[in-house]
Protein backbone atom coordinates (compact mmCIF):
# COMPACT_ATOMS: atom_id res chain seq x y z
CA MET A 1 0.00 0.00 0.00
CA GLU A 2 1.32 3.42 -0.89
CA PHE A 3 0.89 6.50 1.27
CA GLU A 4 0.99 10.22 0.61
CA PHE A 5 1.04 13.40 2.65
CA MET A 6 -2.15 15.43 2.88
CA SER A 7 -2.52 18.94 1.56
CA ALA A 8 -5.45 21.37 1.67
CA ASP A 9 -6.88 19.96 -1.57
CA THR A 10 -6.37 16.26 -0.83
CA VAL A 11 -9.39 14.12 -1.66
CA LEU A 12 -9.99 11.57 1.08
CA PRO A 13 -10.49 7.90 0.29
CA PRO A 14 -13.84 6.39 1.27
CA CYS A 15 -14.31 6.77 5.03
CA MET A 16 -16.87 5.73 7.62
CA PRO A 17 -18.49 8.44 9.74
CA LEU A 18 -17.99 8.45 13.51
CA PRO A 19 -19.50 11.33 15.50
CA ALA A 20 -16.77 12.92 17.66
CA ALA A 21 -18.98 12.59 20.75
CA MET A 22 -18.64 8.80 20.44
CA LEU A 23 -15.02 9.02 21.55
CA ARG A 24 -16.13 9.95 25.08
CA LEU A 25 -18.40 6.95 25.56
CA PRO A 26 -17.29 4.23 27.99
CA ILE A 27 -17.56 1.45 25.38
CA SER A 28 -14.88 -0.54 23.61
CA SER A 29 -13.19 0.59 20.44
CA THR A 30 -14.72 -2.37 18.65
CA ALA A 31 -18.21 -1.22 19.66
CA LYS A 32 -17.40 2.25 18.31
CA VAL A 33 -16.22 0.77 15.02
CA MET A 34 -19.41 -1.33 14.91
CA TYR A 35 -21.48 1.83 15.30
CA ALA A 36 -19.51 3.54 12.52
CA ARG A 37 -20.08 0.50 10.30
CA LEU A 38 -23.84 0.51 11.02
CA LEU A 39 -24.04 4.26 10.42
CA ASN A 40 -22.14 3.96 7.14
CA THR A 41 -24.34 1.08 5.97
CA THR A 42 -27.46 3.03 6.91
CA LEU A 43 -26.28 6.03 4.89
CA THR A 44 -25.21 4.03 1.84
CA ALA A 45 -27.68 1.13 1.72
CA GLY A 46 -30.40 1.90 4.25
CA ILE A 47 -33.96 0.77 3.61
CA GLU A 48 -36.86 3.14 4.27
CA ASP A 49 -39.64 1.97 6.54
CA SER A 50 -43.25 3.10 6.14
CA ASN A 51 -42.39 6.36 7.98
CA GLY A 52 -39.43 7.18 5.73
CA ILE A 53 -36.88 6.33 8.45
CA LEU A 54 -33.79 4.41 7.35
CA PHE A 55 -32.88 1.05 8.84
CA VAL A 56 -30.55 -1.82 8.01
CA ARG A 57 -30.58 -5.57 8.38
CA PHE A 58 -27.17 -6.67 9.59
CA PRO A 59 -27.10 -10.23 10.99
CA ILE A 60 -24.44 -10.94 13.63
CA MET A 61 -22.61 -13.32 11.26
CA GLU A 62 -22.23 -10.57 8.64
CA LEU A 63 -21.31 -7.97 11.25
CA ALA A 64 -18.66 -10.30 12.69
CA ALA A 65 -17.21 -10.84 9.23
CA ALA A 66 -17.19 -7.08 8.54
CA LEU A 67 -15.34 -6.42 11.82
CA SER A 68 -13.04 -9.46 11.56
CA ARG A 69 -14.32 -10.72 14.91
CA SER A 70 -16.03 -13.92 15.98
CA PRO A 71 -19.85 -13.94 16.05
CA ARG A 72 -19.70 -14.72 19.77
CA HIS A 73 -17.50 -11.67 20.33
CA CYS A 74 -19.99 -9.43 18.46
CA GLU A 75 -23.23 -10.66 20.05
CA ALA A 76 -23.07 -8.23 23.00
CA PHE A 77 -22.16 -5.10 21.02
CA PRO A 78 -25.70 -4.23 19.83
CA GLU A 79 -26.90 -4.24 23.45
CA ARG A 80 -23.94 -2.18 24.61
CA ILE A 81 -24.40 0.58 22.06
CA GLY A 82 -28.18 0.24 22.25
CA GLY A 83 -27.90 0.96 25.97
CA HIS A 84 -26.42 4.33 25.06
CA ARG A 85 -29.37 4.96 22.73
CA LEU A 86 -27.22 4.78 19.59
CA ILE A 87 -29.20 2.06 17.87
CA LEU A 88 -32.70 0.68 18.13
CA ARG A 89 -33.25 -2.96 17.22
CA VAL A 90 -36.78 -3.87 16.25
CA ARG A 91 -37.53 -7.57 16.24
CA ARG A 92 -39.70 -8.80 13.40
CA GLY A 93 -42.54 -11.25 13.96
CA GLY A 94 -41.86 -13.96 11.40
CA VAL A 95 -39.60 -16.93 11.91
CA GLY A 96 -36.21 -16.17 10.40
CA GLU A 97 -37.18 -12.56 9.76
CA PRO A 98 -34.10 -10.36 10.41
CA ASN A 99 -34.24 -7.55 12.95
CA ARG A 100 -34.41 -3.98 11.78
CA ILE A 101 -31.56 -1.88 13.13
CA TYR A 102 -32.16 1.85 13.29
CA THR A 103 -28.92 3.79 13.72
CA LEU A 104 -29.59 6.83 15.87
CA LEU A 105 -27.57 10.05 15.75
CA PRO A 106 -26.46 11.87 18.90
CA LYS A 107 -28.43 15.12 19.12
CA GLY A 108 -26.42 17.95 20.62
CA GLY A 109 -23.69 15.61 21.88
CA LEU A 110 -23.76 12.59 24.11
CA PRO A 111 -24.21 12.46 27.87
C-alpha cells in the first residue's frame, strides 16, 4: 500500500463516519467501530420503513465478518451501544425474519 502526505486539496479515500462525541463513551473501540459500520451502511444502503426512516438488516454473522471478529464476540455489542441509545433494534414477527436496526444520531452531543 502506498501513502501520501495530505494537503489542503487532498481528496480523502472512502471513510466511515464516527461522531466525535462517540469518543467519550465508555464502550470498547470495537463497539465504536461497529457503530460507525452501522451508520455507514445506513447512509449508503439503508432501507426506508413506512415512515421514511432508514434502517438496516445486519445479521451478527455478517457484522462479525465485517469487523473481523467472531460472532460470539460481536453478540453483545448491539446491546452495549443500544444501551447508550445509539441504535434501536426492532424484532420482526416472522420466523427467520431479520431484525431492523435503526442507527440513531447523537443530538447535541452525548451524555
